[in-house]
Amino acid sequence: MKPERPLPETDNSAVASEPAASDDASDAGARLTEDVSTASDAGKPEAALLDQLKQALAEQDNLRRNAGRDREHAVKFATSTLARDLLATLDNLRRAIESVPADRIADPAVAGLLAGVVATERGLLDTLARHGIRRFDPIGAAFDPHHHDAVFQVATPAHAPGTVVEVLQPGYMHHDRLLRPATVGVAKSEARETEPH
């Protein structure tokens, strides 16, 4: 024989549980409504996060590009300081070449020494040129305050006003940057003599 199972409680328990079930259903409906409204609003924060991600990626790409450009410039212009320091040596070599009197150039001892100094200057200029450094001599060019340093003006009918008529010290460029401006004298218009009255 099977033991008897206890009978379920009377209708009081079922009635008592019905209001709780309806409360749960209304709570679940309210939660579902909130979830739907949150889900519809979730597109905005996701879009904002996507925009922030895109901006962060763009900034990172810009930083990478800028770092690459800075690295290229550092390599390209690494020799600027050394070259600037060597310019005084080049100036002295040029002065030594120009200081030899014309009547002494025929002397074999002086000619050999002069040839050595000229070869040294040429070799140094060629080495600098391989690193993007070139000398410029603006004689006859229009005065450019960005590339020339005018130290005097001279009235001359042979040149138009503002023309470089004398170069005291040549200028140097390093690729597209000015390493040293040329020191020049510039033509000015002749002063008109005032006629006595």
N, C-alpha and C. Protein backbone atom coordinates (compact mmCIF):
# COMPACT_ATOMS: atom_id res chain seq x y z
N MET A 1 0.80 -1.17 0.00
CA MET A 1 0.00 0.00 0.00
C MET A 1 0.86 1.26 0.00
N LYS A 2 0.40 2.24 -0.73
CA LYS A 2 1.13 3.51 -0.83
C LYS A 2 0.72 4.42 0.31
N PRO A 3 1.67 5.15 0.81
CA PRO A 3 1.27 6.09 1.84
C PRO A 3 0.44 7.20 1.22
N GLU A 4 -0.41 7.73 1.91
CA GLU A 4 -1.28 8.78 1.38
C GLU A 4 -0.55 10.11 1.39
N ARG A 5 -0.78 10.78 0.36
CA ARG A 5 -0.19 12.10 0.27
C ARG A 5 -1.10 13.10 0.94
N PRO A 6 -0.48 14.08 1.54
CA PRO A 6 -1.33 15.08 2.15
C PRO A 6 -2.03 15.90 1.07
N LEU A 7 -3.20 16.26 1.28
CA LEU A 7 -3.98 17.04 0.33
C LEU A 7 -3.53 18.50 0.38
N PRO A 8 -3.60 19.12 -0.76
CA PRO A 8 -3.20 20.52 -0.75
C PRO A 8 -4.14 21.32 0.11
N GLU A 9 -3.60 22.39 0.57
CA GLU A 9 -4.38 23.26 1.45
C GLU A 9 -5.58 23.77 0.68
N THR A 10 -6.46 24.32 1.36
CA THR A 10 -7.70 24.77 0.75
C THR A 10 -7.47 26.00 -0.09
N ASP A 11 -8.51 26.52 -0.61
CA ASP A 11 -8.46 27.63 -1.56
C ASP A 11 -7.83 28.88 -0.97
N ASN A 12 -7.70 28.95 0.32
CA ASN A 12 -7.15 30.16 0.94
C ASN A 12 -5.71 30.43 0.46
N SER A 13 -4.93 29.38 0.33
CA SER A 13 -3.55 29.57 -0.12
C SER A 13 -3.52 30.00 -1.58
N ALA A 14 -4.37 29.44 -2.42
CA ALA A 14 -4.39 29.82 -3.82
C ALA A 14 -4.84 31.25 -3.97
N VAL A 15 -5.78 31.65 -3.20
CA VAL A 15 -6.29 33.01 -3.27
C VAL A 15 -5.23 33.98 -2.79
N ALA A 16 -4.52 33.57 -1.76
CA ALA A 16 -3.49 34.46 -1.23
C ALA A 16 -2.35 34.66 -2.23
N SER A 17 -2.07 33.64 -3.06
CA SER A 17 -0.97 33.77 -4.01
C SER A 17 -1.37 34.53 -5.26
N GLU A 18 -2.58 34.69 -5.59
CA GLU A 18 -2.99 35.38 -6.81
C GLU A 18 -2.62 36.86 -6.80
N PRO A 19 -2.86 37.58 -5.70
CA PRO A 19 -2.47 38.98 -5.75
C PRO A 19 -0.96 39.14 -5.91
N ALA A 20 -0.15 38.27 -5.32
CA ALA A 20 1.30 38.37 -5.45
C ALA A 20 1.71 38.15 -6.90
N ALA A 21 1.07 37.22 -7.59
CA ALA A 21 1.39 36.96 -8.99
C ALA A 21 1.04 38.16 -9.84
N SER A 22 -0.06 38.79 -9.58
CA SER A 22 -0.43 39.96 -10.38
C SER A 22 0.51 41.11 -10.09
N ASP A 23 0.98 41.22 -8.85
CA ASP A 23 1.98 42.26 -8.53
C ASP A 23 3.28 42.00 -9.29
N ASP A 24 3.70 40.72 -9.33
CA ASP A 24 4.93 40.37 -10.05
C ASP A 24 4.78 40.69 -11.53
N ALA A 25 3.61 40.42 -12.10
CA ALA A 25 3.37 40.68 -13.51
C ALA A 25 3.42 42.17 -13.79
N SER A 26 2.83 42.96 -12.94
CA SER A 26 2.86 44.40 -13.16
C SER A 26 4.29 44.95 -13.00
N ASP A 27 5.03 44.39 -12.02
CA ASP A 27 6.43 44.79 -11.85
C ASP A 27 7.26 44.40 -13.07
N ALA A 28 7.02 43.19 -13.59
CA ALA A 28 7.75 42.73 -14.77
C ALA A 28 7.42 43.60 -15.97
N GLY A 29 6.17 44.00 -16.11
CA GLY A 29 5.78 44.88 -17.21
C GLY A 29 6.46 46.23 -17.10
N ALA A 30 6.52 46.73 -15.88
CA ALA A 30 7.17 48.02 -15.67
C ALA A 30 8.67 47.92 -16.00
N ARG A 31 9.26 46.80 -15.54
CA ARG A 31 10.68 46.60 -15.86
C ARG A 31 10.90 46.46 -17.36
N LEU A 32 10.00 45.76 -18.04
CA LEU A 32 10.12 45.59 -19.48
C LEU A 32 10.01 46.94 -20.19
N THR A 33 9.09 47.78 -19.74
CA THR A 33 8.94 49.11 -20.31
C THR A 33 10.22 49.92 -20.10
N GLU A 34 10.78 49.83 -18.91
CA GLU A 34 12.03 50.55 -18.63
C GLU A 34 13.17 50.02 -19.50
N ASP A 35 13.23 48.67 -19.67
CA ASP A 35 14.27 48.08 -20.50
C ASP A 35 14.14 48.53 -21.95
N VAL A 36 12.90 48.60 -22.46
CA VAL A 36 12.69 49.04 -23.84
C VAL A 36 13.10 50.49 -24.00
N SER A 37 12.69 51.35 -23.04
CA SER A 37 13.05 52.76 -23.15
C SER A 37 14.57 52.93 -23.01
N THR A 38 15.20 52.14 -22.13
CA THR A 38 16.66 52.18 -21.98
C THR A 38 17.33 51.69 -23.25
N ALA A 39 16.79 50.66 -23.86
CA ALA A 39 17.37 50.12 -25.09
C ALA A 39 17.26 51.13 -26.22
N SER A 40 16.15 51.87 -26.27
CA SER A 40 16.01 52.86 -27.33
C SER A 40 16.95 54.03 -27.09
N ASP A 41 17.19 54.37 -25.82
CA ASP A 41 18.13 55.44 -25.49
C ASP A 41 19.58 54.95 -25.56
N ALA A 42 19.79 53.65 -25.55
CA ALA A 42 21.15 53.10 -25.55
C ALA A 42 21.87 53.42 -26.84
N GLY A 43 21.14 53.66 -27.92
CA GLY A 43 21.77 54.01 -29.18
C GLY A 43 22.57 55.30 -29.07
N LYS A 44 22.11 56.25 -28.28
CA LYS A 44 22.82 57.51 -28.11
C LYS A 44 24.15 57.32 -27.39
N PRO A 45 24.20 56.65 -26.26
CA PRO A 45 25.51 56.46 -25.62
C PRO A 45 26.44 55.61 -26.48
N GLU A 46 25.90 54.61 -27.18
CA GLU A 46 26.75 53.81 -28.05
C GLU A 46 27.31 54.65 -29.19
N ALA A 47 26.48 55.54 -29.74
CA ALA A 47 26.95 56.42 -30.79
C ALA A 47 28.01 57.38 -30.25
N ALA A 48 27.78 57.89 -29.04
CA ALA A 48 28.76 58.79 -28.42
C ALA A 48 30.07 58.06 -28.18
N LEU A 49 29.99 56.82 -27.70
CA LEU A 49 31.20 56.04 -27.48
C LEU A 49 31.92 55.75 -28.79
N LEU A 50 31.13 55.47 -29.84
CA LEU A 50 31.72 55.23 -31.16
C LEU A 50 32.42 56.49 -31.67
N ASP A 51 31.80 57.66 -31.46
CA ASP A 51 32.43 58.92 -31.86
C ASP A 51 33.72 59.15 -31.07
N GLN A 52 33.68 58.88 -29.77
CA GLN A 52 34.88 59.04 -28.95
C GLN A 52 35.99 58.10 -29.41
N LEU A 53 35.61 56.88 -29.77
CA LEU A 53 36.60 55.92 -30.25
C LEU A 53 37.22 56.40 -31.56
N LYS A 54 36.36 56.91 -32.47
CA LYS A 54 36.87 57.42 -33.74
C LYS A 54 37.82 58.60 -33.51
N GLN A 55 37.45 59.51 -32.59
CA GLN A 55 38.30 60.66 -32.29
C GLN A 55 39.63 60.20 -31.69
N ALA A 56 39.58 59.21 -30.80
CA ALA A 56 40.81 58.71 -30.19
C ALA A 56 41.71 58.07 -31.24
N LEU A 57 41.11 57.32 -32.17
CA LEU A 57 41.90 56.72 -33.24
C LEU A 57 42.50 57.78 -34.17
N ALA A 58 41.72 58.83 -34.46
CA ALA A 58 42.23 59.91 -35.31
C ALA A 58 43.37 60.65 -34.62
N GLU A 59 43.22 60.90 -33.30
CA GLU A 59 44.29 61.57 -32.55
C GLU A 59 45.55 60.70 -32.53
N GLN A 60 45.36 59.40 -32.36
CA GLN A 60 46.50 58.50 -32.34
C GLN A 60 47.20 58.49 -33.71
N ASP A 61 46.42 58.51 -34.77
CA ASP A 61 46.99 58.55 -36.12
C ASP A 61 47.76 59.85 -36.33
N ASN A 62 47.19 60.98 -35.87
CA ASN A 62 47.88 62.27 -35.98
C ASN A 62 49.18 62.27 -35.18
N LEU A 63 49.15 61.72 -33.99
CA LEU A 63 50.36 61.65 -33.17
C LEU A 63 51.42 60.80 -33.86
N ARG A 64 51.00 59.69 -34.45
CA ARG A 64 51.95 58.83 -35.16
C ARG A 64 52.56 59.57 -36.35
N ARG A 65 51.71 60.30 -37.11
CA ARG A 65 52.21 61.06 -38.25
C ARG A 65 53.16 62.16 -37.81
N ASN A 66 52.78 62.90 -36.75
CA ASN A 66 53.64 63.97 -36.24
C ASN A 66 54.96 63.42 -35.73
N ALA A 67 54.93 62.30 -35.04
CA ALA A 67 56.16 61.69 -34.54
C ALA A 67 57.05 61.26 -35.71
N GLY A 68 56.45 60.73 -36.77
CA GLY A 68 57.23 60.35 -37.95
C GLY A 68 57.85 61.57 -38.62
N ARG A 69 57.08 62.66 -38.73
CA ARG A 69 57.60 63.89 -39.33
C ARG A 69 58.72 64.47 -38.47
N ASP A 70 58.53 64.47 -37.14
CA ASP A 70 59.58 64.96 -36.24
C ASP A 70 60.85 64.13 -36.36
N ARG A 71 60.68 62.82 -36.49
CA ARG A 71 61.84 61.94 -36.63
C ARG A 71 62.57 62.22 -37.94
N GLU A 72 61.81 62.43 -39.03
CA GLU A 72 62.43 62.74 -40.32
C GLU A 72 63.20 64.06 -40.26
N HIS A 73 62.59 65.09 -39.61
CA HIS A 73 63.27 66.37 -39.48
C HIS A 73 64.52 66.25 -38.61
N ALA A 74 64.43 65.45 -37.54
CA ALA A 74 65.60 65.27 -36.68
C ALA A 74 66.75 64.65 -37.45
N VAL A 75 66.43 63.68 -38.28
CA VAL A 75 67.48 63.04 -39.09
C VAL A 75 67.98 64.00 -40.17
N LYS A 76 67.04 64.69 -40.82
CA LYS A 76 67.39 65.57 -41.93
C LYS A 76 68.27 66.73 -41.48
N PHE A 77 67.97 67.29 -40.29
CA PHE A 77 68.69 68.48 -39.84
C PHE A 77 69.63 68.19 -38.67
N ALA A 78 70.01 66.94 -38.51
CA ALA A 78 70.90 66.56 -37.40
C ALA A 78 72.26 67.23 -37.50
N THR A 79 72.71 67.53 -38.70
CA THR A 79 74.05 68.09 -38.89
C THR A 79 74.08 69.61 -38.83
N SER A 80 72.95 70.26 -38.55
CA SER A 80 72.90 71.72 -38.58
C SER A 80 73.89 72.36 -37.62
N THR A 81 73.95 71.89 -36.41
CA THR A 81 74.83 72.51 -35.42
C THR A 81 76.30 72.34 -35.82
N LEU A 82 76.66 71.14 -36.25
CA LEU A 82 78.04 70.90 -36.68
C LEU A 82 78.38 71.77 -37.89
N ALA A 83 77.45 71.84 -38.84
CA ALA A 83 77.70 72.65 -40.04
C ALA A 83 77.86 74.12 -39.68
N ARG A 84 77.01 74.62 -38.80
CA ARG A 84 77.09 76.02 -38.39
C ARG A 84 78.46 76.30 -37.75
N ASP A 85 78.96 75.34 -36.98
CA ASP A 85 80.28 75.50 -36.36
C ASP A 85 81.40 75.47 -37.39
N LEU A 86 81.20 74.76 -38.50
CA LEU A 86 82.24 74.67 -39.53
C LEU A 86 82.28 75.88 -40.46
N LEU A 87 81.24 76.71 -40.42
CA LEU A 87 81.19 77.85 -41.33
C LEU A 87 82.34 78.82 -41.09
N ALA A 88 82.74 79.00 -39.84
CA ALA A 88 83.88 79.88 -39.55
C ALA A 88 85.15 79.35 -40.19
N THR A 89 85.32 78.03 -40.19
CA THR A 89 86.49 77.42 -40.83
C THR A 89 86.45 77.66 -42.33
N LEU A 90 85.28 77.51 -42.93
CA LEU A 90 85.15 77.80 -44.37
C LEU A 90 85.46 79.26 -44.67
N ASP A 91 84.99 80.16 -43.81
CA ASP A 91 85.27 81.59 -44.00
C ASP A 91 86.79 81.84 -43.94
N ASN A 92 87.46 81.19 -43.00
CA ASN A 92 88.91 81.38 -42.87
C ASN A 92 89.66 80.82 -44.07
N LEU A 93 89.20 79.68 -44.58
CA LEU A 93 89.83 79.13 -45.79
C LEU A 93 89.67 80.10 -46.96
N ARG A 94 88.48 80.68 -47.10
CA ARG A 94 88.23 81.63 -48.19
C ARG A 94 89.11 82.87 -48.01
N ARG A 95 89.24 83.35 -46.78
CA ARG A 95 90.10 84.51 -46.52
C ARG A 95 91.56 84.20 -46.88
N ALA A 96 92.00 82.98 -46.53
CA ALA A 96 93.38 82.58 -46.86
C ALA A 96 93.60 82.56 -48.36
N ILE A 97 92.62 82.07 -49.10
CA ILE A 97 92.74 82.02 -50.57
C ILE A 97 92.79 83.43 -51.15
N GLU A 98 91.90 84.30 -50.65
CA GLU A 98 91.82 85.66 -51.21
C GLU A 98 92.98 86.55 -50.74
N SER A 99 93.68 86.15 -49.69
CA SER A 99 94.76 87.00 -49.16
C SER A 99 96.08 86.84 -49.92
N VAL A 100 96.17 85.84 -50.79
CA VAL A 100 97.41 85.64 -51.54
C VAL A 100 97.54 86.73 -52.59
N PRO A 101 98.63 87.50 -52.54
CA PRO A 101 98.81 88.56 -53.55
C PRO A 101 98.94 87.97 -54.96
N ALA A 102 98.42 88.67 -55.91
CA ALA A 102 98.41 88.18 -57.30
C ALA A 102 99.83 87.96 -57.83
N ASP A 103 100.78 88.79 -57.39
CA ASP A 103 102.14 88.64 -57.89
C ASP A 103 102.87 87.44 -57.26
N ARG A 104 102.32 86.84 -56.21
CA ARG A 104 102.97 85.71 -55.55
C ARG A 104 102.39 84.37 -55.99
N ILE A 105 101.31 84.39 -56.75
CA ILE A 105 100.66 83.13 -57.17
C ILE A 105 101.59 82.32 -58.07
N ALA A 106 102.46 82.98 -58.81
CA ALA A 106 103.39 82.28 -59.72
C ALA A 106 104.50 81.55 -58.96
N ASP A 107 104.75 81.94 -57.73
CA ASP A 107 105.79 81.28 -56.92
C ASP A 107 105.37 79.83 -56.68
N PRO A 108 106.22 78.84 -57.00
CA PRO A 108 105.84 77.43 -56.85
C PRO A 108 105.46 77.04 -55.42
N ALA A 109 106.14 77.60 -54.45
CA ALA A 109 105.82 77.26 -53.05
C ALA A 109 104.43 77.78 -52.67
N VAL A 110 104.17 79.03 -53.05
CA VAL A 110 102.87 79.64 -52.75
C VAL A 110 101.78 78.95 -53.56
N ALA A 111 102.05 78.63 -54.81
CA ALA A 111 101.05 77.97 -55.68
C ALA A 111 100.67 76.61 -55.11
N GLY A 112 101.67 75.86 -54.63
CA GLY A 112 101.36 74.55 -54.04
C GLY A 112 100.54 74.68 -52.77
N LEU A 113 100.90 75.64 -51.93
CA LEU A 113 100.14 75.88 -50.69
C LEU A 113 98.72 76.33 -51.00
N LEU A 114 98.59 77.24 -51.96
CA LEU A 114 97.27 77.76 -52.34
C LEU A 114 96.40 76.63 -52.91
N ALA A 115 97.01 75.76 -53.73
CA ALA A 115 96.26 74.63 -54.30
C ALA A 115 95.75 73.71 -53.19
N GLY A 116 96.55 73.51 -52.14
CA GLY A 116 96.12 72.68 -51.01
C GLY A 116 94.96 73.30 -50.25
N VAL A 117 95.01 74.61 -50.03
CA VAL A 117 93.93 75.31 -49.31
C VAL A 117 92.65 75.29 -50.15
N VAL A 118 92.78 75.51 -51.46
CA VAL A 118 91.61 75.47 -52.35
C VAL A 118 90.99 74.07 -52.34
N ALA A 119 91.84 73.03 -52.39
CA ALA A 119 91.34 71.64 -52.36
C ALA A 119 90.65 71.34 -51.04
N THR A 120 91.19 71.87 -49.94
CA THR A 120 90.56 71.67 -48.63
C THR A 120 89.18 72.32 -48.58
N GLU A 121 89.10 73.55 -49.08
CA GLU A 121 87.81 74.25 -49.10
C GLU A 121 86.80 73.50 -49.97
N ARG A 122 87.24 73.07 -51.15
CA ARG A 122 86.35 72.35 -52.06
C ARG A 122 85.87 71.04 -51.44
N GLY A 123 86.79 70.31 -50.78
CA GLY A 123 86.42 69.06 -50.13
C GLY A 123 85.41 69.26 -49.01
N LEU A 124 85.61 70.32 -48.24
CA LEU A 124 84.67 70.61 -47.15
C LEU A 124 83.30 71.01 -47.70
N LEU A 125 83.29 71.82 -48.75
CA LEU A 125 82.02 72.21 -49.37
C LEU A 125 81.30 71.00 -49.98
N ASP A 126 82.05 70.10 -50.61
CA ASP A 126 81.44 68.89 -51.19
C ASP A 126 80.85 68.00 -50.10
N THR A 127 81.56 67.88 -48.98
CA THR A 127 81.05 67.07 -47.86
C THR A 127 79.76 67.69 -47.31
N LEU A 128 79.76 68.99 -47.14
CA LEU A 128 78.55 69.66 -46.64
C LEU A 128 77.40 69.52 -47.64
N ALA A 129 77.72 69.60 -48.93
CA ALA A 129 76.68 69.46 -49.97
C ALA A 129 76.04 68.08 -49.93
N ARG A 130 76.82 67.04 -49.61
CA ARG A 130 76.24 65.70 -49.51
C ARG A 130 75.24 65.61 -48.36
N HIS A 131 75.34 66.52 -47.41
CA HIS A 131 74.41 66.55 -46.27
C HIS A 131 73.38 67.67 -46.41
N GLY A 132 73.23 68.19 -47.62
CA GLY A 132 72.18 69.16 -47.90
C GLY A 132 72.53 70.60 -47.56
N ILE A 133 73.81 70.89 -47.37
CA ILE A 133 74.22 72.25 -47.01
C ILE A 133 74.91 72.87 -48.22
N ARG A 134 74.42 74.04 -48.63
CA ARG A 134 75.01 74.68 -49.81
C ARG A 134 75.24 76.17 -49.53
N ARG A 135 76.30 76.67 -50.14
CA ARG A 135 76.65 78.08 -50.00
C ARG A 135 75.91 78.86 -51.08
N PHE A 136 75.48 80.08 -50.75
CA PHE A 136 74.90 80.95 -51.79
C PHE A 136 75.54 82.33 -51.71
N ASP A 137 75.77 82.88 -52.88
CA ASP A 137 76.42 84.18 -53.03
C ASP A 137 75.46 85.06 -53.83
N PRO A 138 74.72 85.96 -53.17
CA PRO A 138 73.62 86.66 -53.86
C PRO A 138 74.02 87.91 -54.64
N ILE A 139 75.26 87.99 -55.07
CA ILE A 139 75.69 89.19 -55.80
C ILE A 139 74.79 89.41 -57.02
N GLY A 140 74.28 90.62 -57.17
CA GLY A 140 73.41 90.97 -58.30
C GLY A 140 71.95 90.62 -58.09
N ALA A 141 71.64 89.93 -57.00
CA ALA A 141 70.23 89.56 -56.73
C ALA A 141 69.54 90.69 -55.98
N ALA A 142 68.22 90.66 -55.98
CA ALA A 142 67.46 91.63 -55.20
C ALA A 142 67.62 91.32 -53.71
N PHE A 143 67.72 92.35 -52.90
CA PHE A 143 67.88 92.17 -51.46
C PHE A 143 66.66 91.45 -50.88
N ASP A 144 66.91 90.41 -50.10
CA ASP A 144 65.86 89.63 -49.44
C ASP A 144 66.17 89.60 -47.94
N PRO A 145 65.38 90.31 -47.14
CA PRO A 145 65.69 90.37 -45.70
C PRO A 145 65.61 89.02 -45.00
N HIS A 146 64.97 88.04 -45.62
CA HIS A 146 64.89 86.71 -45.02
C HIS A 146 66.17 85.90 -45.23
N HIS A 147 66.97 86.28 -46.25
CA HIS A 147 68.19 85.53 -46.56
C HIS A 147 69.46 86.38 -46.54
N HIS A 148 69.30 87.70 -46.45
CA HIS A 148 70.45 88.60 -46.51
C HIS A 148 70.47 89.49 -45.27
N ASP A 149 71.67 89.82 -44.84
CA ASP A 149 71.86 90.76 -43.74
C ASP A 149 72.62 91.95 -44.30
N ALA A 150 71.92 93.06 -44.52
CA ALA A 150 72.55 94.24 -45.12
C ALA A 150 73.29 95.03 -44.04
N VAL A 151 74.56 95.31 -44.30
CA VAL A 151 75.34 96.07 -43.32
C VAL A 151 75.68 97.47 -43.82
N PHE A 152 75.51 97.71 -45.11
CA PHE A 152 75.71 99.06 -45.62
C PHE A 152 74.95 99.22 -46.93
N GLN A 153 74.76 100.50 -47.30
CA GLN A 153 74.16 100.84 -48.59
C GLN A 153 75.13 101.71 -49.35
N VAL A 154 75.12 101.58 -50.64
CA VAL A 154 76.01 102.39 -51.47
C VAL A 154 75.21 102.94 -52.66
N ALA A 155 75.43 104.23 -52.92
CA ALA A 155 74.77 104.85 -54.07
C ALA A 155 75.58 104.52 -55.31
N THR A 156 74.94 103.89 -56.27
CA THR A 156 75.64 103.53 -57.51
C THR A 156 74.67 103.58 -58.68
N PRO A 157 75.10 104.22 -59.78
CA PRO A 157 74.23 104.26 -60.96
C PRO A 157 74.24 102.94 -61.73
N ALA A 158 75.20 102.07 -61.42
CA ALA A 158 75.34 100.82 -62.18
C ALA A 158 74.30 99.77 -61.79
N HIS A 159 73.68 99.91 -60.62
CA HIS A 159 72.73 98.90 -60.14
C HIS A 159 71.43 99.56 -59.70
N ALA A 160 70.36 98.82 -59.86
CA ALA A 160 69.06 99.31 -59.41
C ALA A 160 69.02 99.32 -57.89
N PRO A 161 68.29 100.27 -57.29
CA PRO A 161 68.19 100.29 -55.83
C PRO A 161 67.63 98.96 -55.31
N GLY A 162 68.20 98.51 -54.18
CA GLY A 162 67.76 97.24 -53.59
C GLY A 162 68.49 96.03 -54.13
N THR A 163 69.50 96.25 -54.99
CA THR A 163 70.28 95.14 -55.54
C THR A 163 71.52 94.90 -54.67
N VAL A 164 71.85 93.64 -54.46
CA VAL A 164 73.05 93.30 -53.70
C VAL A 164 74.25 93.58 -54.60
N VAL A 165 75.13 94.49 -54.14
CA VAL A 165 76.29 94.87 -54.95
C VAL A 165 77.59 94.32 -54.40
N GLU A 166 77.58 93.89 -53.13
CA GLU A 166 78.80 93.33 -52.54
C GLU A 166 78.41 92.29 -51.50
N VAL A 167 79.14 91.18 -51.49
CA VAL A 167 78.91 90.12 -50.50
C VAL A 167 80.15 90.06 -49.61
N LEU A 168 79.96 90.40 -48.34
CA LEU A 168 81.06 90.35 -47.39
C LEU A 168 81.25 88.94 -46.83
N GLN A 169 80.15 88.23 -46.72
CA GLN A 169 80.19 86.86 -46.20
C GLN A 169 79.06 86.07 -46.86
N PRO A 170 79.37 84.94 -47.50
CA PRO A 170 78.30 84.19 -48.18
C PRO A 170 77.33 83.58 -47.17
N GLY A 171 76.13 83.30 -47.64
CA GLY A 171 75.12 82.65 -46.81
C GLY A 171 75.12 81.15 -47.06
N TYR A 172 74.45 80.42 -46.17
CA TYR A 172 74.37 78.96 -46.30
C TYR A 172 72.95 78.51 -46.02
N MET A 173 72.50 77.55 -46.83
CA MET A 173 71.19 76.92 -46.65
C MET A 173 71.40 75.47 -46.25
N HIS A 174 70.54 74.96 -45.38
CA HIS A 174 70.53 73.54 -45.05
C HIS A 174 69.19 72.99 -45.51
N HIS A 175 69.21 72.28 -46.62
CA HIS A 175 67.99 71.87 -47.33
C HIS A 175 67.18 73.13 -47.61
N ASP A 176 66.00 73.27 -47.01
CA ASP A 176 65.17 74.45 -47.28
C ASP A 176 65.23 75.47 -46.14
N ARG A 177 66.11 75.27 -45.18
CA ARG A 177 66.23 76.19 -44.04
C ARG A 177 67.49 77.05 -44.17
N LEU A 178 67.37 78.28 -43.69
CA LEU A 178 68.51 79.17 -43.68
C LEU A 178 69.43 78.79 -42.53
N LEU A 179 70.68 78.50 -42.86
CA LEU A 179 71.67 78.18 -41.84
C LEU A 179 72.37 79.46 -41.38
N ARG A 180 72.71 80.32 -42.36
CA ARG A 180 73.31 81.61 -42.04
C ARG A 180 72.99 82.59 -43.16
N PRO A 181 72.51 83.79 -42.83
CA PRO A 181 72.23 84.76 -43.89
C PRO A 181 73.53 85.30 -44.49
N ALA A 182 73.46 85.72 -45.73
CA ALA A 182 74.61 86.34 -46.38
C ALA A 182 74.72 87.78 -45.88
N THR A 183 75.93 88.20 -45.58
CA THR A 183 76.19 89.59 -45.16
C THR A 183 76.52 90.38 -46.41
N VAL A 184 75.70 91.41 -46.69
CA VAL A 184 75.79 92.07 -48.00
C VAL A 184 75.77 93.58 -47.88
N GLY A 185 76.19 94.23 -48.98
CA GLY A 185 76.00 95.65 -49.19
C GLY A 185 74.98 95.82 -50.31
N VAL A 186 74.10 96.81 -50.15
CA VAL A 186 72.97 96.97 -51.07
C VAL A 186 73.02 98.33 -51.74
N ALA A 187 72.66 98.34 -53.01
CA ALA A 187 72.61 99.61 -53.76
C ALA A 187 71.42 100.43 -53.31
N LYS A 188 71.63 101.73 -53.25
CA LYS A 188 70.51 102.63 -52.95
C LYS A 188 70.43 103.66 -54.07
N SER A 189 69.32 104.34 -54.13
CA SER A 189 69.19 105.35 -55.18
C SER A 189 70.13 106.51 -54.86
N GLU A 190 70.67 107.09 -55.92
CA GLU A 190 71.61 108.19 -55.73
C GLU A 190 70.88 109.39 -55.16
N ALA A 191 71.53 110.04 -54.21
CA ALA A 191 70.93 111.25 -53.62
C ALA A 191 70.95 112.36 -54.66
N ARG A 192 69.80 112.99 -54.82
CA ARG A 192 69.74 114.09 -55.78
C ARG A 192 70.31 115.36 -55.12
N GLU A 193 71.13 116.03 -55.89
CA GLU A 193 71.71 117.25 -55.34
C GLU A 193 70.66 118.35 -55.39
N THR A 194 70.55 119.03 -54.31
CA THR A 194 69.61 120.14 -54.27
C THR A 194 70.24 121.35 -54.93
N GLU A 195 69.48 121.96 -55.80
CA GLU A 195 70.00 123.12 -56.51
C GLU A 195 69.89 124.36 -55.61
N PRO A 196 70.92 125.19 -55.62
CA PRO A 196 70.84 126.41 -54.82
C PRO A 196 69.79 127.37 -55.41
N HIS A 197 69.11 128.10 -54.55
CA HIS A 197 68.07 129.04 -55.01
C HIS A 197 68.63 130.41 -55.17
